[in-house]
Amino acid sequence: MTALIVIVMIVLALAVSTFAARRMGYSGIGGDTIVRCRAGHLFTTLWVPGGSLKSIRLGMTRFQYCPVGRHWTLVTPVRGSELTDEERQFASQHHDTRVP
Protein backbone atom coordinates (compact mmCIF):
# COMPACT_ATOMS: atom_id res chain seq x y z
CA MET A 1 0.00 0.00 0.00
CA THR A 2 2.87 2.40 0.77
CA ALA A 3 4.36 1.94 -2.71
CA LEU A 4 0.99 2.77 -4.26
CA ILE A 5 0.78 5.99 -2.24
CA VAL A 6 4.28 6.99 -3.38
CA ILE A 7 3.39 6.33 -7.03
CA VAL A 8 0.17 8.32 -6.74
CA MET A 9 2.06 11.22 -5.12
CA ILE A 10 4.67 11.23 -7.92
CA VAL A 11 2.01 11.19 -10.65
CA LEU A 12 0.11 13.95 -8.88
CA ALA A 13 3.25 16.09 -8.54
CA LEU A 14 4.05 15.67 -12.24
CA ALA A 15 0.49 16.57 -13.23
CA VAL A 16 0.51 19.68 -11.04
CA SER A 17 3.91 20.82 -12.34
CA THR A 18 2.80 20.31 -15.96
CA PHE A 19 -0.41 22.26 -15.32
CA ALA A 20 1.49 25.08 -13.59
CA ALA A 21 4.06 25.31 -16.39
CA ARG A 22 1.31 25.51 -19.01
CA ARG A 23 -0.48 28.22 -17.01
CA MET A 24 2.78 30.21 -16.97
CA GLY A 25 2.89 30.11 -20.78
CA TYR A 26 5.14 27.14 -21.45
CA SER A 27 2.77 25.55 -23.94
CA GLY A 28 4.88 22.59 -25.00
CA ILE A 29 5.64 21.21 -21.55
CA GLY A 30 4.74 17.56 -21.68
CA GLY A 31 5.62 17.26 -25.37
CA ASP A 32 7.58 19.13 -28.03
CA THR A 33 8.79 22.34 -26.42
CA ILE A 34 10.75 25.30 -27.77
CA VAL A 35 13.88 25.86 -25.70
CA ARG A 36 16.75 28.36 -25.75
CA CYS A 37 20.33 27.41 -25.01
CA ARG A 38 22.82 29.64 -23.17
CA ALA A 39 24.19 30.87 -26.53
CA GLY A 40 20.69 32.03 -27.55
CA HIS A 41 19.93 29.27 -30.06
CA LEU A 42 16.29 28.19 -30.35
CA PHE A 43 15.23 24.63 -31.08
CA THR A 44 12.51 22.12 -30.26
CA THR A 45 12.98 19.23 -27.86
CA LEU A 46 10.83 16.64 -26.15
CA TRP A 47 10.19 17.96 -22.62
CA VAL A 48 8.57 15.54 -20.21
CA PRO A 49 8.20 16.74 -16.61
CA GLY A 50 9.97 14.40 -14.23
CA GLY A 51 11.73 12.44 -16.93
CA SER A 52 14.61 12.79 -19.33
CA LEU A 53 16.37 10.25 -21.50
CA LYS A 54 18.76 12.52 -23.40
CA SER A 55 19.50 15.28 -20.90
CA ILE A 56 20.34 15.92 -17.26
CA ARG A 57 17.43 17.54 -15.44
CA LEU A 58 18.11 20.55 -13.22
CA GLY A 59 14.57 21.72 -12.40
CA MET A 60 13.28 23.90 -15.24
CA THR A 61 16.76 23.83 -16.80
CA ARG A 62 18.37 20.89 -18.56
CA PHE A 63 21.88 20.10 -19.70
CA GLN A 64 21.68 18.71 -23.23
CA TYR A 65 23.03 18.91 -26.77
CA CYS A 66 22.09 21.98 -28.86
CA PRO A 67 21.62 20.90 -32.51
CA VAL A 68 21.85 24.50 -33.77
CA GLY A 69 25.21 25.41 -32.22
CA ARG A 70 26.39 21.80 -32.04
CA HIS A 71 27.48 22.05 -28.42
CA TRP A 72 26.47 20.81 -24.96
CA THR A 73 24.76 23.50 -22.91
CA LEU A 74 22.03 24.41 -20.45
CA VAL A 75 18.59 24.91 -22.02
CA THR A 76 15.36 26.35 -20.66
CA PRO A 77 11.83 26.40 -22.08
CA VAL A 78 10.69 29.63 -23.73
CA ARG A 79 7.22 31.10 -23.31
CA GLY A 80 5.32 31.18 -26.59
CA SER A 81 4.36 34.81 -26.02
CA GLU A 82 8.05 35.80 -26.02
CA LEU A 83 8.68 34.49 -29.54
CA THR A 84 8.09 36.00 -32.95
CA ASP A 85 6.53 33.91 -35.73
CA GLU A 86 9.95 33.67 -37.37
CA GLU A 87 11.53 32.36 -34.15
CA ARG A 88 8.77 29.75 -33.75
CA GLN A 89 9.26 28.62 -37.34
CA PHE A 90 13.05 28.42 -36.92
CA ALA A 91 12.70 26.38 -33.71
CA SER A 92 10.22 23.99 -35.32
CA GLN A 93 12.72 23.34 -38.13
CA HIS A 94 15.50 22.50 -35.65
CA HIS A 95 14.68 19.53 -33.43
CA ASP A 96 17.15 17.69 -31.26
CA THR A 97 17.69 13.96 -31.66
CA ARG A 98 14.51 12.02 -31.18
CA VAL A 99 14.45 9.09 -28.80
CA PRO A 100 13.58 5.87 -30.67
PDB file of N, CA and C in Angstrom:
ATOM      1  N   MET A   1       0.824  -1.199   0.000  1.00  0.00           N
ATOM      2  CA  MET A   1       0.000   0.000   0.000  1.00  0.00           C
ATOM      3  C   MET A   1       0.869   1.263   0.000  1.00  0.00           C
ATOM      4  N   THR A   2       1.987   1.237   0.697  1.00  0.00           N
ATOM      5  CA  THR A   2       2.869   2.398   0.767  1.00  0.00           C
ATOM      6  C   THR A   2       3.443   2.732  -0.601  1.00  0.00           C
ATOM      7  N   ALA A   3       3.819   1.711  -1.374  1.00  0.00           N
ATOM      8  CA  ALA A   3       4.355   1.941  -2.714  1.00  0.00           C
ATOM      9  C   ALA A   3       3.307   2.598  -3.603  1.00  0.00           C
ATOM     10  N   LEU A   4       2.070   2.190  -3.471  1.00  0.00           N
ATOM     11  CA  LEU A   4       0.986   2.775  -4.256  1.00  0.00           C
ATOM     12  C   LEU A   4       0.811   4.253  -3.920  1.00  0.00           C
ATOM     13  N   ILE A   5       0.902   4.597  -2.661  1.00  0.00           N
ATOM     14  CA  ILE A   5       0.778   5.995  -2.244  1.00  0.00           C
ATOM     15  C   ILE A   5       1.913   6.826  -2.822  1.00  0.00           C
ATOM     16  N   VAL A   6       3.124   6.279  -2.819  1.00  0.00           N
ATOM     17  CA  VAL A   6       4.278   6.986  -3.378  1.00  0.00           C
ATOM     18  C   VAL A   6       4.079   7.212  -4.878  1.00  0.00           C
ATOM     19  N   ILE A   7       3.628   6.196  -5.590  1.00  0.00           N
ATOM     20  CA  ILE A   7       3.389   6.329  -7.034  1.00  0.00           C
ATOM     21  C   ILE A   7       2.319   7.369  -7.315  1.00  0.00           C
ATOM     22  N   VAL A   8       1.238   7.342  -6.560  1.00  0.00           N
ATOM     23  CA  VAL A   8       0.166   8.323  -6.735  1.00  0.00           C
ATOM     24  C   VAL A   8       0.681   9.730  -6.463  1.00  0.00           C
ATOM     25  N   MET A   9       1.499   9.907  -5.446  1.00  0.00           N
ATOM     26  CA  MET A   9       2.056  11.223  -5.121  1.00  0.00           C
ATOM     27  C   MET A   9       2.968  11.727  -6.241  1.00  0.00           C
ATOM     28  N   ILE A  10       3.782  10.846  -6.833  1.00  0.00           N
ATOM     29  CA  ILE A  10       4.674  11.234  -7.920  1.00  0.00           C
ATOM     30  C   ILE A  10       3.862  11.653  -9.143  1.00  0.00           C
ATOM     31  N   VAL A  11       2.864  10.863  -9.500  1.00  0.00           N
ATOM     32  CA  VAL A  11       2.014  11.192 -10.651  1.00  0.00           C
ATOM     33  C   VAL A  11       1.289  12.505 -10.413  1.00  0.00           C
ATOM     34  N   LEU A  12       0.795  12.707  -9.220  1.00  0.00           N
ATOM     35  CA  LEU A  12       0.105  13.953  -8.878  1.00  0.00           C
ATOM     36  C   LEU A  12       1.051  15.146  -8.970  1.00  0.00           C
ATOM     37  N   ALA A  13       2.274  14.998  -8.475  1.00  0.00           N
ATOM     38  CA  ALA A  13       3.253  16.089  -8.536  1.00  0.00           C
ATOM     39  C   ALA A  13       3.602  16.423  -9.983  1.00  0.00           C
ATOM     40  N   LEU A  14       3.759  15.422 -10.827  1.00  0.00           N
ATOM     41  CA  LEU A  14       4.053  15.670 -12.245  1.00  0.00           C
ATOM     42  C   LEU A  14       2.880  16.364 -12.935  1.00  0.00           C
ATOM     43  N   ALA A  15       1.671  15.944 -12.627  1.00  0.00           N
ATOM     44  CA  ALA A  15       0.493  16.569 -13.225  1.00  0.00           C
ATOM     45  C   ALA A  15       0.371  18.029 -12.796  1.00  0.00           C
ATOM     46  N   VAL A  16       0.592  18.311 -11.538  1.00  0.00           N
ATOM     47  CA  VAL A  16       0.507  19.683 -11.037  1.00  0.00           C
ATOM     48  C   VAL A  16       1.601  20.552 -11.651  1.00  0.00           C
ATOM     49  N   SER A  17       2.826  20.023 -11.764  1.00  0.00           N
ATOM     50  CA  SER A  17       3.909  20.823 -12.340  1.00  0.00           C
ATOM     51  C   SER A  17       3.666  21.082 -13.825  1.00  0.00           C
ATOM     52  N   THR A  18       3.125  20.110 -14.548  1.00  0.00           N
ATOM     53  CA  THR A  18       2.797  20.314 -15.958  1.00  0.00           C
ATOM     54  C   THR A  18       1.710  21.367 -16.101  1.00  0.00           C
ATOM     55  N   PHE A  19       0.682  21.277 -15.286  1.00  0.00           N
ATOM     56  CA  PHE A  19      -0.410  22.260 -15.318  1.00  0.00           C
ATOM     57  C   PHE A  19       0.112  23.657 -14.994  1.00  0.00           C
ATOM     58  N   ALA A  20       0.949  23.765 -13.975  1.00  0.00           N
ATOM     59  CA  ALA A  20       1.492  25.076 -13.590  1.00  0.00           C
ATOM     60  C   ALA A  20       2.364  25.656 -14.697  1.00  0.00           C
ATOM     61  N   ALA A  21       3.198  24.824 -15.308  1.00  0.00           N
ATOM     62  CA  ALA A  21       4.058  25.306 -16.388  1.00  0.00           C
ATOM     63  C   ALA A  21       3.227  25.791 -17.574  1.00  0.00           C
ATOM     64  N   ARG A  22       2.173  25.078 -17.904  1.00  0.00           N
ATOM     65  CA  ARG A  22       1.310  25.511 -19.010  1.00  0.00           C
ATOM     66  C   ARG A  22       0.576  26.803 -18.670  1.00  0.00           C
ATOM     67  N   ARG A  23       0.179  26.975 -17.428  1.00  0.00           N
ATOM     68  CA  ARG A  23      -0.483  28.216 -17.013  1.00  0.00           C
ATOM     69  C   ARG A  23       0.470  29.408 -17.079  1.00  0.00           C
ATOM     70  N   MET A  24       1.782  29.138 -16.911  1.00  0.00           N
ATOM     71  CA  MET A  24       2.776  30.214 -16.973  1.00  0.00           C
ATOM     72  C   MET A  24       3.180  30.530 -18.408  1.00  0.00           C
ATOM     73  N   GLY A  25       2.619  29.802 -19.383  1.00  0.00           N
ATOM     74  CA  GLY A  25       2.889  30.114 -20.779  1.00  0.00           C
ATOM     75  C   GLY A  25       3.830  29.178 -21.486  1.00  0.00           C
ATOM     76  N   TYR A  26       4.267  28.123 -20.818  1.00  0.00           N
ATOM     77  CA  TYR A  26       5.143  27.143 -21.447  1.00  0.00           C
ATOM     78  C   TYR A  26       4.265  26.082 -22.098  1.00  0.00           C
ATOM     79  N   SER A  27       3.802  26.362 -23.307  1.00  0.00           N
ATOM     80  CA  SER A  27       2.766  25.551 -23.935  1.00  0.00           C
ATOM     81  C   SER A  27       3.195  24.138 -24.292  1.00  0.00           C
ATOM     82  N   GLY A  28       4.459  23.915 -24.550  1.00  0.00           N
ATOM     83  CA  GLY A  28       4.881  22.591 -25.001  1.00  0.00           C
ATOM     84  C   GLY A  28       5.272  21.640 -23.897  1.00  0.00           C
ATOM     85  N   ILE A  29       5.220  22.069 -22.657  1.00  0.00           N
ATOM     86  CA  ILE A  29       5.645  21.208 -21.554  1.00  0.00           C
ATOM     87  C   ILE A  29       4.789  19.942 -21.574  1.00  0.00           C
ATOM     88  N   GLY A  30       5.445  18.814 -21.573  1.00  0.00           N
ATOM     89  CA  GLY A  30       4.735  17.556 -21.681  1.00  0.00           C
ATOM     90  C   GLY A  30       4.736  17.049 -23.112  1.00  0.00           C
ATOM     91  N   GLY A  31       5.530  17.643 -23.960  1.00  0.00           N
ATOM     92  CA  GLY A  31       5.624  17.258 -25.370  1.00  0.00           C
ATOM     93  C   GLY A  31       6.736  18.047 -26.031  1.00  0.00           C
ATOM     94  N   ASP A  32       6.581  18.323 -27.329  1.00  0.00           N
ATOM     95  CA  ASP A  32       7.578  19.128 -28.029  1.00  0.00           C
ATOM     96  C   ASP A  32       7.540  20.561 -27.507  1.00  0.00           C
ATOM     97  N   THR A  33       8.674  21.030 -27.050  1.00  0.00           N
ATOM     98  CA  THR A  33       8.788  22.341 -26.415  1.00  0.00           C
ATOM     99  C   THR A  33       9.917  23.129 -27.055  1.00  0.00           C
ATOM    100  N   ILE A  34       9.682  24.428 -27.267  1.00  0.00           N
ATOM    101  CA  ILE A  34      10.747  25.301 -27.771  1.00  0.00           C
ATOM    102  C   ILE A  34      11.606  25.706 -26.591  1.00  0.00           C
ATOM    103  N   VAL A  35      12.926  25.509 -26.752  1.00  0.00           N
ATOM    104  CA  VAL A  35      13.879  25.859 -25.705  1.00  0.00           C
ATOM    105  C   VAL A  35      14.951  26.775 -26.275  1.00  0.00           C
ATOM    106  N   ARG A  36      15.634  27.484 -25.369  1.00  0.00           N
ATOM    107  CA  ARG A  36      16.749  28.357 -25.749  1.00  0.00           C
ATOM    108  C   ARG A  36      17.977  27.918 -24.972  1.00  0.00           C
ATOM    109  N   CYS A  37      19.100  27.781 -25.687  1.00  0.00           N
ATOM    110  CA  CYS A  37      20.335  27.412 -25.008  1.00  0.00           C
ATOM    111  C   CYS A  37      21.027  28.680 -24.495  1.00  0.00           C
ATOM    112  N   ARG A  38      22.085  28.508 -23.748  1.00  0.00           N
ATOM    113  CA  ARG A  38      22.821  29.641 -23.173  1.00  0.00           C
ATOM    114  C   ARG A  38      23.394  30.580 -24.227  1.00  0.00           C
ATOM    115  N   ALA A  39      23.654  30.041 -25.440  1.00  0.00           N
ATOM    116  CA  ALA A  39      24.189  30.873 -26.527  1.00  0.00           C
ATOM    117  C   ALA A  39      23.079  31.596 -27.288  1.00  0.00           C
ATOM    118  N   GLY A  40      21.811  31.343 -26.916  1.00  0.00           N
ATOM    119  CA  GLY A  40      20.686  32.026 -27.550  1.00  0.00           C
ATOM    120  C   GLY A  40      20.033  31.261 -28.684  1.00  0.00           C
ATOM    121  N   HIS A  41      20.510  30.059 -28.975  1.00  0.00           N
ATOM    122  CA  HIS A  41      19.928  29.269 -30.062  1.00  0.00           C
ATOM    123  C   HIS A  41      18.559  28.725 -29.650  1.00  0.00           C
ATOM    124  N   LEU A  42      17.619  28.743 -30.584  1.00  0.00           N
ATOM    125  CA  LEU A  42      16.292  28.186 -30.350  1.00  0.00           C
ATOM    126  C   LEU A  42      16.159  26.866 -31.090  1.00  0.00           C
ATOM    127  N   PHE A  43      15.552  25.884 -30.423  1.00  0.00           N
ATOM    128  CA  PHE A  43      15.233  24.625 -31.078  1.00  0.00           C
ATOM    129  C   PHE A  43      14.121  23.935 -30.302  1.00  0.00           C
ATOM    130  N   THR A  44      13.603  22.869 -30.877  1.00  0.00           N
ATOM    131  CA  THR A  44      12.512  22.123 -30.262  1.00  0.00           C
ATOM    132  C   THR A  44      13.059  20.827 -29.679  1.00  0.00           C
ATOM    133  N   THR A  45      12.564  20.472 -28.509  1.00  0.00           N
ATOM    134  CA  THR A  45      12.977  19.229 -27.862  1.00  0.00           C
ATOM    135  C   THR A  45      11.776  18.595 -27.181  1.00  0.00           C
ATOM    136  N   LEU A  46      11.871  17.318 -26.907  1.00  0.00           N
ATOM    137  CA  LEU A  46      10.830  16.636 -26.151  1.00  0.00           C
ATOM    138  C   LEU A  46      11.057  16.946 -24.673  1.00  0.00           C
ATOM    139  N   TRP A  47      10.060  17.543 -24.031  1.00  0.00           N
ATOM    140  CA  TRP A  47      10.192  17.957 -22.625  1.00  0.00           C
ATOM    141  C   TRP A  47       9.103  17.263 -21.821  1.00  0.00           C
ATOM    142  N   VAL A  48       9.506  16.277 -21.037  1.00  0.00           N
ATOM    143  CA  VAL A  48       8.572  15.536 -20.209  1.00  0.00           C
ATOM    144  C   VAL A  48       8.889  15.844 -18.755  1.00  0.00           C
ATOM    145  N   PRO A  49       7.940  16.436 -18.020  1.00  0.00           N
ATOM    146  CA  PRO A  49       8.200  16.736 -16.608  1.00  0.00           C
ATOM    147  C   PRO A  49       8.523  15.465 -15.829  1.00  0.00           C
ATOM    148  N   GLY A  50       9.588  15.522 -15.074  1.00  0.00           N
ATOM    149  CA  GLY A  50       9.966  14.396 -14.233  1.00  0.00           C
ATOM    150  C   GLY A  50      10.753  13.307 -14.935  1.00  0.00           C
ATOM    151  N   GLY A  51      10.997  13.471 -16.219  1.00  0.00           N
ATOM    152  CA  GLY A  51      11.733  12.440 -16.935  1.00  0.00           C
ATOM    153  C   GLY A  51      12.628  13.030 -18.000  1.00  0.00           C
ATOM    154  N   SER A  52      13.729  12.358 -18.250  1.00  0.00           N
ATOM    155  CA  SER A  52      14.612  12.787 -19.327  1.00  0.00           C
ATOM    156  C   SER A  52      15.504  11.620 -19.706  1.00  0.00           C
ATOM    157  N   LEU A  53      15.551  11.349 -21.008  1.00  0.00           N
ATOM    158  CA  LEU A  53      16.374  10.254 -21.497  1.00  0.00           C
ATOM    159  C   LEU A  53      17.637  10.750 -22.182  1.00  0.00           C
ATOM    160  N   LYS A  54      17.623  12.001 -22.632  1.00  0.00           N
ATOM    161  CA  LYS A  54      18.758  12.523 -23.395  1.00  0.00           C
ATOM    162  C   LYS A  54      19.308  13.803 -22.805  1.00  0.00           C
ATOM    163  N   SER A  55      18.994  14.077 -21.557  1.00  0.00           N
ATOM    164  CA  SER A  55      19.499  15.277 -20.901  1.00  0.00           C
ATOM    165  C   SER A  55      19.603  15.024 -19.398  1.00  0.00           C
ATOM    166  N   ILE A  56      20.252  15.962 -18.725  1.00  0.00           N
ATOM    167  CA  ILE A  56      20.335  15.919 -17.262  1.00  0.00           C
ATOM    168  C   ILE A  56      19.409  17.007 -16.734  1.00  0.00           C
ATOM    169  N   ARG A  57      18.418  16.596 -15.970  1.00  0.00           N
ATOM    170  CA  ARG A  57      17.434  17.538 -15.443  1.00  0.00           C
ATOM    171  C   ARG A  57      17.995  18.339 -14.278  1.00  0.00           C
ATOM    172  N   LEU A  58      17.729  19.642 -14.306  1.00  0.00           N
ATOM    173  CA  LEU A  58      18.106  20.550 -13.221  1.00  0.00           C
ATOM    174  C   LEU A  58      16.925  21.481 -12.959  1.00  0.00           C
ATOM    175  N   GLY A  59      15.781  20.926 -12.572  1.00  0.00           N
ATOM    176  CA  GLY A  59      14.567  21.716 -12.399  1.00  0.00           C
ATOM    177  C   GLY A  59      14.008  22.117 -13.754  1.00  0.00           C
ATOM    178  N   MET A  60      13.787  23.423 -13.960  1.00  0.00           N
ATOM    179  CA  MET A  60      13.281  23.903 -15.244  1.00  0.00           C
ATOM    180  C   MET A  60      14.414  24.144 -16.235  1.00  0.00           C
ATOM    181  N   THR A  61      15.607  23.726 -15.909  1.00  0.00           N
ATOM    182  CA  THR A  61      16.763  23.830 -16.803  1.00  0.00           C
ATOM    183  C   THR A  61      17.276  22.419 -17.046  1.00  0.00           C
ATOM    184  N   ARG A  62      17.800  22.193 -18.247  1.00  0.00           N
ATOM    185  CA  ARG A  62      18.373  20.887 -18.555  1.00  0.00           C
ATOM    186  C   ARG A  62      19.703  21.057 -19.262  1.00  0.00           C
ATOM    187  N   PHE A  63      20.588  20.129 -19.020  1.00  0.00           N
ATOM    188  CA  PHE A  63      21.879  20.104 -19.703  1.00  0.00           C
ATOM    189  C   PHE A  63      21.747  19.105 -20.838  1.00  0.00           C
ATOM    190  N   GLN A  64      21.819  19.591 -22.080  1.00  0.00           N
ATOM    191  CA  GLN A  64      21.676  18.709 -23.227  1.00  0.00           C
ATOM    192  C   GLN A  64      22.365  19.283 -24.455  1.00  0.00           C
ATOM    193  N   TYR A  65      22.367  18.524 -25.523  1.00  0.00           N
ATOM    194  CA  TYR A  65      23.027  18.908 -26.765  1.00  0.00           C
ATOM    195  C   TYR A  65      22.164  19.892 -27.540  1.00  0.00           C
ATOM    196  N   CYS A  66      22.773  20.979 -28.035  1.00  0.00           N
ATOM    197  CA  CYS A  66      22.089  21.975 -28.864  1.00  0.00           C
ATOM    198  C   CYS A  66      22.397  21.636 -30.325  1.00  0.00           C
ATOM    199  N   PRO A  67      21.375  21.261 -31.114  1.00  0.00           N
ATOM    200  CA  PRO A  67      21.621  20.900 -32.508  1.00  0.00           C
ATOM    201  C   PRO A  67      21.924  22.100 -33.401  1.00  0.00           C
ATOM    202  N   VAL A  68      21.593  23.297 -32.965  1.00  0.00           N
ATOM    203  CA  VAL A  68      21.849  24.499 -33.768  1.00  0.00           C
ATOM    204  C   VAL A  68      23.319  24.890 -33.665  1.00  0.00           C
ATOM    205  N   GLY A  69      23.818  25.024 -32.436  1.00  0.00           N
ATOM    206  CA  GLY A  69      25.213  25.413 -32.221  1.00  0.00           C
ATOM    207  C   GLY A  69      26.167  24.238 -32.145  1.00  0.00           C
ATOM    208  N   ARG A  70      25.603  23.030 -32.128  1.00  0.00           N
ATOM    209  CA  ARG A  70      26.386  21.798 -32.039  1.00  0.00           C
ATOM    210  C   ARG A  70      27.319  21.809 -30.828  1.00  0.00           C
ATOM    211  N   HIS A  71      26.710  22.027 -29.671  1.00  0.00           N
ATOM    212  CA  HIS A  71      27.478  22.051 -28.418  1.00  0.00           C
ATOM    213  C   HIS A  71      26.585  21.585 -27.275  1.00  0.00           C
ATOM    214  N   TRP A  72      27.203  21.179 -26.175  1.00  0.00           N
ATOM    215  CA  TRP A  72      26.474  20.814 -24.964  1.00  0.00           C
ATOM    216  C   TRP A  72      26.282  22.071 -24.134  1.00  0.00           C
ATOM    217  N   THR A  73      25.076  22.265 -23.599  1.00  0.00           N
ATOM    218  CA  THR A  73      24.765  23.505 -22.905  1.00  0.00           C
ATOM    219  C   THR A  73      23.548  23.338 -22.008  1.00  0.00           C
ATOM    220  N   LEU A  74      23.255  24.363 -21.232  1.00  0.00           N
ATOM    221  CA  LEU A  74      22.029  24.412 -20.445  1.00  0.00           C
ATOM    222  C   LEU A  74      20.922  25.004 -21.310  1.00  0.00           C
ATOM    223  N   VAL A  75      19.734  24.402 -21.260  1.00  0.00           N
ATOM    224  CA  VAL A  75      18.592  24.909 -22.015  1.00  0.00           C
ATOM    225  C   VAL A  75      17.416  25.118 -21.077  1.00  0.00           C
ATOM    226  N   THR A  76      16.574  26.082 -21.424  1.00  0.00           N
ATOM    227  CA  THR A  76      15.361  26.349 -20.658  1.00  0.00           C
ATOM    228  C   THR A  76      14.203  26.551 -21.623  1.00  0.00           C
ATOM    229  N   PRO A  77      12.988  26.186 -21.217  1.00  0.00           N
ATOM    230  CA  PRO A  77      11.828  26.402 -22.076  1.00  0.00           C
ATOM    231  C   PRO A  77      11.579  27.900 -22.270  1.00  0.00           C
ATOM    232  N   VAL A  78      10.997  28.236 -23.409  1.00  0.00           N
ATOM    233  CA  VAL A  78      10.693  29.628 -23.729  1.00  0.00           C
ATOM    234  C   VAL A  78       9.182  29.778 -23.806  1.00  0.00           C
ATOM    235  N   ARG A  79       8.651  30.827 -23.212  1.00  0.00           N
ATOM    236  CA  ARG A  79       7.217  31.100 -23.310  1.00  0.00           C
ATOM    237  C   ARG A  79       6.871  31.450 -24.756  1.00  0.00           C
ATOM    238  N   GLY A  80       5.760  30.907 -25.227  1.00  0.00           N
ATOM    239  CA  GLY A  80       5.324  31.175 -26.593  1.00  0.00           C
ATOM    240  C   GLY A  80       5.081  32.645 -26.855  1.00  0.00           C
ATOM    241  N   SER A  81       4.649  33.380 -25.856  1.00  0.00           N
ATOM    242  CA  SER A  81       4.360  34.810 -26.018  1.00  0.00           C
ATOM    243  C   SER A  81       5.622  35.643 -26.211  1.00  0.00           C
ATOM    244  N   GLU A  82       6.788  35.076 -25.886  1.00  0.00           N
ATOM    245  CA  GLU A  82       8.054  35.801 -26.018  1.00  0.00           C
ATOM    246  C   GLU A  82       8.694  35.631 -27.392  1.00  0.00           C
ATOM    247  N   LEU A  83       8.085  34.803 -28.252  1.00  0.00           N
ATOM    248  CA  LEU A  83       8.684  34.486 -29.538  1.00  0.00           C
ATOM    249  C   LEU A  83       7.947  35.148 -30.693  1.00  0.00           C
ATOM    250  N   THR A  84       8.701  35.508 -31.722  1.00  0.00           N
ATOM    251  CA  THR A  84       8.087  35.999 -32.951  1.00  0.00           C
ATOM    252  C   THR A  84       7.693  34.788 -33.793  1.00  0.00           C
ATOM    253  N   ASP A  85       6.902  35.012 -34.833  1.00  0.00           N
ATOM    254  CA  ASP A  85       6.529  33.914 -35.725  1.00  0.00           C
ATOM    255  C   ASP A  85       7.758  33.304 -36.387  1.00  0.00           C
ATOM    256  N   GLU A  86       8.729  34.154 -36.731  1.00  0.00           N
ATOM    257  CA  GLU A  86       9.951  33.668 -37.374  1.00  0.00           C
ATOM    258  C   GLU A  86      10.749  32.774 -36.420  1.00  0.00           C
ATOM    259  N   GLU A  87      10.803  33.159 -35.143  1.00  0.00           N
ATOM    260  CA  GLU A  87      11.530  32.357 -34.154  1.00  0.00           C
ATOM    261  C   GLU A  87      10.851  31.004 -33.949  1.00  0.00           C
ATOM    262  N   ARG A  88       9.501  31.008 -33.897  1.00  0.00           N
ATOM    263  CA  ARG A  88       8.769  29.754 -33.751  1.00  0.00           C
ATOM    264  C   ARG A  88       9.029  28.826 -34.940  1.00  0.00           C
ATOM    265  N   GLN A  89       9.028  29.409 -36.134  1.00  0.00           N
ATOM    266  CA  GLN A  89       9.261  28.623 -37.339  1.00  0.00           C
ATOM    267  C   GLN A  89      10.684  28.050 -37.342  1.00  0.00           C
ATOM    268  N   PHE A  90      11.661  28.876 -36.978  1.00  0.00           N
ATOM    269  CA  PHE A  90      13.054  28.417 -36.915  1.00  0.00           C
ATOM    270  C   PHE A  90      13.179  27.256 -35.932  1.00  0.00           C
ATOM    271  N   ALA A  91      12.607  27.419 -34.740  1.00  0.00           N
ATOM    272  CA  ALA A  91      12.704  26.378 -33.713  1.00  0.00           C
ATOM    273  C   ALA A  91      12.033  25.088 -34.168  1.00  0.00           C
ATOM    274  N   SER A  92      10.915  25.198 -34.872  1.00  0.00           N
ATOM    275  CA  SER A  92      10.221  23.990 -35.325  1.00  0.00           C
ATOM    276  C   SER A  92      11.013  23.256 -36.404  1.00  0.00           C
ATOM    277  N   GLN A  93      11.883  23.959 -37.101  1.00  0.00           N
ATOM    278  CA  GLN A  93      12.720  23.345 -38.134  1.00  0.00           C
ATOM    279  C   GLN A  93      13.989  22.732 -37.566  1.00  0.00           C
ATOM    280  N   HIS A  94      14.294  23.011 -36.303  1.00  0.00           N
ATOM    281  CA  HIS A  94      15.502  22.499 -35.653  1.00  0.00           C
ATOM    282  C   HIS A  94      15.099  21.718 -34.407  1.00  0.00           C
ATOM    283  N   HIS A  95      15.057  20.400 -34.543  1.00  0.00           N
ATOM    284  CA  HIS A  95      14.678  19.534 -33.429  1.00  0.00           C
ATOM    285  C   HIS A  95      15.894  18.723 -33.013  1.00  0.00           C
ATOM    286  N   ASP A  96      16.046  18.529 -31.711  1.00  0.00           N
ATOM    287  CA  ASP A  96      17.151  17.694 -31.260  1.00  0.00           C
ATOM    288  C   ASP A  96      16.883  16.241 -31.632  1.00  0.00           C
ATOM    289  N   THR A  97      17.813  15.377 -31.322  1.00  0.00           N
ATOM    290  CA  THR A  97      17.688  13.959 -31.658  1.00  0.00           C
ATOM    291  C   THR A  97      16.476  13.352 -30.973  1.00  0.00           C
ATOM    292  N   ARG A  98      15.674  12.692 -31.748  1.00  0.00           N
ATOM    293  CA  ARG A  98      14.507  12.017 -31.176  1.00  0.00           C
ATOM    294  C   ARG A  98      14.927  10.713 -30.520  1.00  0.00           C
ATOM    295  N   VAL A  99      14.197  10.350 -29.478  1.00  0.00           N
ATOM    296  CA  VAL A  99      14.452   9.088 -28.796  1.00  0.00           C
ATOM    297  C   VAL A  99      13.661   8.009 -29.533  1.00  0.00           C
ATOM    298  N   PRO A 100      14.299   6.916 -29.919  1.00  0.00           N
ATOM    299  CA  PRO A 100      13.579   5.871 -30.665  1.00  0.00           C
ATOM    300  C   PRO A 100      12.497   5.217 -29.852  1.00  0.00           C
TER     301      PRO A 100
END
